[in-house]
Amino acid sequence: MISLYRVELRVLVPAAIALAGLVAAQVVFWVWTFPANQATGNWTQQPANWEALRTQWEYSHLAGAAFQTLAMVALITAVLRRP
């Protein structure tokens, strides 16, 4: 018989956290990383605010990686909590 794990909170909650982490990583990319890439022509041009863009780009990668790590840990937790 097929069991639906989405009805079990101990599986559903970490799976939802994983989904939220992936969505948050995408938001970070499209709001901060992508505009910095566009403003610099994918880092082939050096605009006047280059240092600010570089800082924005670096920290957005850090935040994206943190959200993706959170998502992976939550997903592993959801899998391990299945009965």
N, C-alpha and C. Protein backbone atom coordinates (compact mmCIF):
# COMPACT_ATOMS: atom_id res chain seq x y z
N MET A 1 0.85 -1.18 0.00
CA MET A 1 0.00 0.00 0.00
C MET A 1 0.89 1.24 0.00
N ILE A 2 0.48 2.24 -0.75
CA ILE A 2 1.23 3.49 -0.84
C ILE A 2 0.90 4.35 0.37
N SER A 3 1.95 4.87 1.00
CA SER A 3 1.77 5.73 2.16
C SER A 3 2.07 7.17 1.76
N LEU A 4 1.23 8.10 2.18
CA LEU A 4 1.45 9.50 1.90
C LEU A 4 2.15 10.14 3.10
N TYR A 5 3.40 10.51 2.89
CA TYR A 5 4.17 11.08 3.98
C TYR A 5 3.80 12.53 4.26
N ARG A 6 3.09 13.16 3.33
CA ARG A 6 2.75 14.56 3.54
C ARG A 6 1.76 14.76 4.68
N VAL A 7 1.11 13.69 5.10
CA VAL A 7 0.17 13.82 6.22
C VAL A 7 0.88 13.69 7.56
N GLU A 8 2.13 13.31 7.55
CA GLU A 8 2.90 13.18 8.80
C GLU A 8 3.72 14.44 9.02
N LEU A 9 3.43 15.15 10.11
CA LEU A 9 4.09 16.42 10.37
C LEU A 9 5.60 16.29 10.51
N ARG A 10 6.07 15.19 11.03
CA ARG A 10 7.52 15.04 11.22
C ARG A 10 8.24 14.93 9.89
N VAL A 11 7.53 14.64 8.81
CA VAL A 11 8.10 14.61 7.46
C VAL A 11 7.72 15.89 6.71
N LEU A 12 6.50 16.34 6.88
CA LEU A 12 6.00 17.51 6.16
C LEU A 12 6.75 18.79 6.53
N VAL A 13 6.99 19.02 7.79
CA VAL A 13 7.63 20.27 8.22
C VAL A 13 9.03 20.43 7.63
N PRO A 14 9.92 19.44 7.77
CA PRO A 14 11.23 19.63 7.15
C PRO A 14 11.17 19.72 5.62
N ALA A 15 10.22 19.02 5.00
CA ALA A 15 10.08 19.12 3.54
C ALA A 15 9.63 20.53 3.14
N ALA A 16 8.74 21.11 3.91
CA ALA A 16 8.29 22.48 3.65
C ALA A 16 9.43 23.48 3.87
N ILE A 17 10.24 23.24 4.89
CA ILE A 17 11.40 24.09 5.14
C ILE A 17 12.39 23.99 3.97
N ALA A 18 12.57 22.79 3.45
CA ALA A 18 13.46 22.60 2.29
C ALA A 18 12.94 23.39 1.09
N LEU A 19 11.65 23.31 0.84
CA LEU A 19 11.07 24.06 -0.27
C LEU A 19 11.24 25.57 -0.06
N ALA A 20 11.00 26.03 1.15
CA ALA A 20 11.17 27.46 1.45
C ALA A 20 12.63 27.89 1.26
N GLY A 21 13.57 27.04 1.64
CA GLY A 21 14.98 27.36 1.45
C GLY A 21 15.35 27.50 -0.01
N LEU A 22 14.82 26.61 -0.85
CA LEU A 22 15.09 26.70 -2.28
C LEU A 22 14.46 27.94 -2.90
N VAL A 23 13.25 28.26 -2.48
CA VAL A 23 12.59 29.48 -2.97
C VAL A 23 13.37 30.71 -2.53
N ALA A 24 13.82 30.73 -1.28
CA ALA A 24 14.60 31.86 -0.78
C ALA A 24 15.92 32.02 -1.54
N ALA A 25 16.56 30.92 -1.88
CA ALA A 25 17.80 30.99 -2.66
C ALA A 25 17.53 31.59 -4.04
N GLN A 26 16.41 31.24 -4.66
CA GLN A 26 16.06 31.82 -5.95
C GLN A 26 15.76 33.31 -5.84
N VAL A 27 15.08 33.69 -4.78
CA VAL A 27 14.78 35.12 -4.57
C VAL A 27 16.09 35.90 -4.42
N VAL A 28 17.01 35.38 -3.64
CA VAL A 28 18.31 36.04 -3.46
C VAL A 28 19.01 36.19 -4.81
N PHE A 29 19.00 35.14 -5.62
CA PHE A 29 19.66 35.20 -6.92
C PHE A 29 19.06 36.28 -7.80
N TRP A 30 17.73 36.27 -7.94
CA TRP A 30 17.09 37.20 -8.88
C TRP A 30 17.04 38.63 -8.38
N VAL A 31 17.08 38.83 -7.07
CA VAL A 31 17.01 40.20 -6.53
C VAL A 31 18.40 40.83 -6.42
N TRP A 32 19.44 40.05 -6.07
CA TRP A 32 20.75 40.64 -5.84
C TRP A 32 21.85 40.15 -6.79
N THR A 33 21.94 38.86 -7.04
CA THR A 33 23.04 38.34 -7.86
C THR A 33 22.86 38.71 -9.33
N PHE A 34 21.73 38.42 -9.89
CA PHE A 34 21.49 38.67 -11.31
C PHE A 34 21.65 40.14 -11.69
N PRO A 35 21.08 41.08 -10.90
CA PRO A 35 21.29 42.49 -11.26
C PRO A 35 22.77 42.91 -11.23
N ALA A 36 23.54 42.35 -10.31
CA ALA A 36 24.97 42.65 -10.27
C ALA A 36 25.66 42.09 -11.51
N ASN A 37 25.27 40.90 -11.93
CA ASN A 37 25.83 40.32 -13.15
C ASN A 37 25.48 41.17 -14.37
N GLN A 38 24.25 41.64 -14.44
CA GLN A 38 23.83 42.47 -15.58
C GLN A 38 24.53 43.82 -15.60
N ALA A 39 24.67 44.43 -14.43
CA ALA A 39 25.30 45.75 -14.35
C ALA A 39 26.77 45.72 -14.76
N THR A 40 27.39 44.57 -14.61
CA THR A 40 28.82 44.46 -14.96
C THR A 40 29.02 43.71 -16.28
N GLY A 41 27.94 43.42 -16.99
CA GLY A 41 28.07 42.65 -18.22
C GLY A 41 28.70 41.29 -17.97
N ASN A 42 28.20 40.62 -16.92
CA ASN A 42 28.77 39.34 -16.47
C ASN A 42 30.26 39.46 -16.17
N TRP A 43 30.59 40.56 -15.51
CA TRP A 43 31.93 40.82 -15.01
C TRP A 43 32.96 41.03 -16.14
N THR A 44 32.48 41.62 -17.24
CA THR A 44 33.41 42.00 -18.31
C THR A 44 33.57 43.51 -18.39
N GLN A 45 32.76 44.25 -17.62
CA GLN A 45 32.83 45.71 -17.57
C GLN A 45 32.98 46.14 -16.11
N GLN A 46 33.57 47.31 -15.93
CA GLN A 46 33.76 47.82 -14.57
C GLN A 46 33.02 49.15 -14.43
N PRO A 47 31.76 49.11 -13.92
CA PRO A 47 31.02 50.35 -13.74
C PRO A 47 31.57 51.16 -12.57
N ALA A 48 31.06 52.37 -12.43
CA ALA A 48 31.55 53.27 -11.38
C ALA A 48 31.34 52.69 -9.98
N ASN A 49 30.24 52.00 -9.76
CA ASN A 49 29.95 51.43 -8.43
C ASN A 49 30.40 49.96 -8.35
N TRP A 50 31.50 49.64 -8.97
CA TRP A 50 31.98 48.27 -9.06
C TRP A 50 32.17 47.63 -7.69
N GLU A 51 32.75 48.34 -6.74
CA GLU A 51 33.02 47.75 -5.42
C GLU A 51 31.72 47.40 -4.69
N ALA A 52 30.72 48.27 -4.78
CA ALA A 52 29.43 47.98 -4.14
C ALA A 52 28.76 46.77 -4.80
N LEU A 53 28.84 46.71 -6.12
CA LEU A 53 28.26 45.57 -6.83
C LEU A 53 28.98 44.28 -6.47
N ARG A 54 30.30 44.35 -6.34
CA ARG A 54 31.07 43.15 -6.00
C ARG A 54 30.68 42.65 -4.61
N THR A 55 30.54 43.57 -3.66
CA THR A 55 30.13 43.20 -2.31
C THR A 55 28.72 42.60 -2.33
N GLN A 56 27.81 43.22 -3.07
CA GLN A 56 26.44 42.69 -3.21
C GLN A 56 26.48 41.29 -3.80
N TRP A 57 27.28 41.09 -4.81
CA TRP A 57 27.39 39.81 -5.49
C TRP A 57 27.94 38.73 -4.56
N GLU A 58 28.99 39.07 -3.81
CA GLU A 58 29.60 38.09 -2.90
C GLU A 58 28.64 37.69 -1.78
N TYR A 59 28.01 38.69 -1.15
CA TYR A 59 27.10 38.36 -0.05
C TYR A 59 25.84 37.65 -0.54
N SER A 60 25.41 37.94 -1.76
CA SER A 60 24.24 37.22 -2.28
C SER A 60 24.59 35.76 -2.53
N HIS A 61 25.82 35.48 -2.95
CA HIS A 61 26.24 34.09 -3.11
C HIS A 61 26.31 33.39 -1.74
N LEU A 62 26.79 34.09 -0.74
CA LEU A 62 26.85 33.53 0.61
C LEU A 62 25.44 33.21 1.11
N ALA A 63 24.52 34.15 0.94
CA ALA A 63 23.14 33.92 1.40
C ALA A 63 22.49 32.78 0.63
N GLY A 64 22.69 32.75 -0.68
CA GLY A 64 22.12 31.67 -1.49
C GLY A 64 22.64 30.31 -1.07
N ALA A 65 23.95 30.24 -0.82
CA ALA A 65 24.54 28.97 -0.38
C ALA A 65 24.00 28.56 0.98
N ALA A 66 23.79 29.53 1.87
CA ALA A 66 23.23 29.22 3.19
C ALA A 66 21.81 28.66 3.05
N PHE A 67 21.00 29.29 2.21
CA PHE A 67 19.63 28.79 2.01
C PHE A 67 19.62 27.41 1.37
N GLN A 68 20.52 27.18 0.42
CA GLN A 68 20.59 25.86 -0.21
C GLN A 68 21.07 24.79 0.76
N THR A 69 21.99 25.14 1.64
CA THR A 69 22.45 24.21 2.67
C THR A 69 21.31 23.89 3.63
N LEU A 70 20.59 24.91 4.04
CA LEU A 70 19.42 24.70 4.90
C LEU A 70 18.43 23.76 4.22
N ALA A 71 18.18 23.98 2.94
CA ALA A 71 17.24 23.13 2.20
C ALA A 71 17.72 21.68 2.16
N MET A 72 19.00 21.48 1.92
CA MET A 72 19.53 20.12 1.84
C MET A 72 19.44 19.41 3.20
N VAL A 73 19.79 20.10 4.26
CA VAL A 73 19.70 19.51 5.60
C VAL A 73 18.25 19.18 5.93
N ALA A 74 17.34 20.08 5.61
CA ALA A 74 15.92 19.83 5.90
C ALA A 74 15.40 18.66 5.07
N LEU A 75 15.82 18.56 3.83
CA LEU A 75 15.36 17.46 2.99
C LEU A 75 15.89 16.12 3.49
N ILE A 76 17.15 16.10 3.89
CA ILE A 76 17.72 14.86 4.46
C ILE A 76 16.99 14.49 5.75
N THR A 77 16.68 15.50 6.55
CA THR A 77 15.94 15.26 7.79
C THR A 77 14.56 14.67 7.48
N ALA A 78 13.88 15.21 6.46
CA ALA A 78 12.56 14.68 6.09
C ALA A 78 12.67 13.23 5.65
N VAL A 79 13.68 12.90 4.88
CA VAL A 79 13.83 11.53 4.39
C VAL A 79 14.11 10.58 5.57
N LEU A 80 14.96 11.01 6.47
CA LEU A 80 15.31 10.14 7.60
C LEU A 80 14.18 9.98 8.61
N ARG A 81 13.22 10.89 8.59
CA ARG A 81 12.10 10.80 9.53
C ARG A 81 10.95 9.94 9.00
N ARG A 82 11.04 9.49 7.78
CA ARG A 82 9.99 8.61 7.26
C ARG A 82 9.99 7.31 8.05
N PRO A 83 8.80 6.79 8.30
CA PRO A 83 8.73 5.53 9.07
C PRO A 83 9.19 4.35 8.24
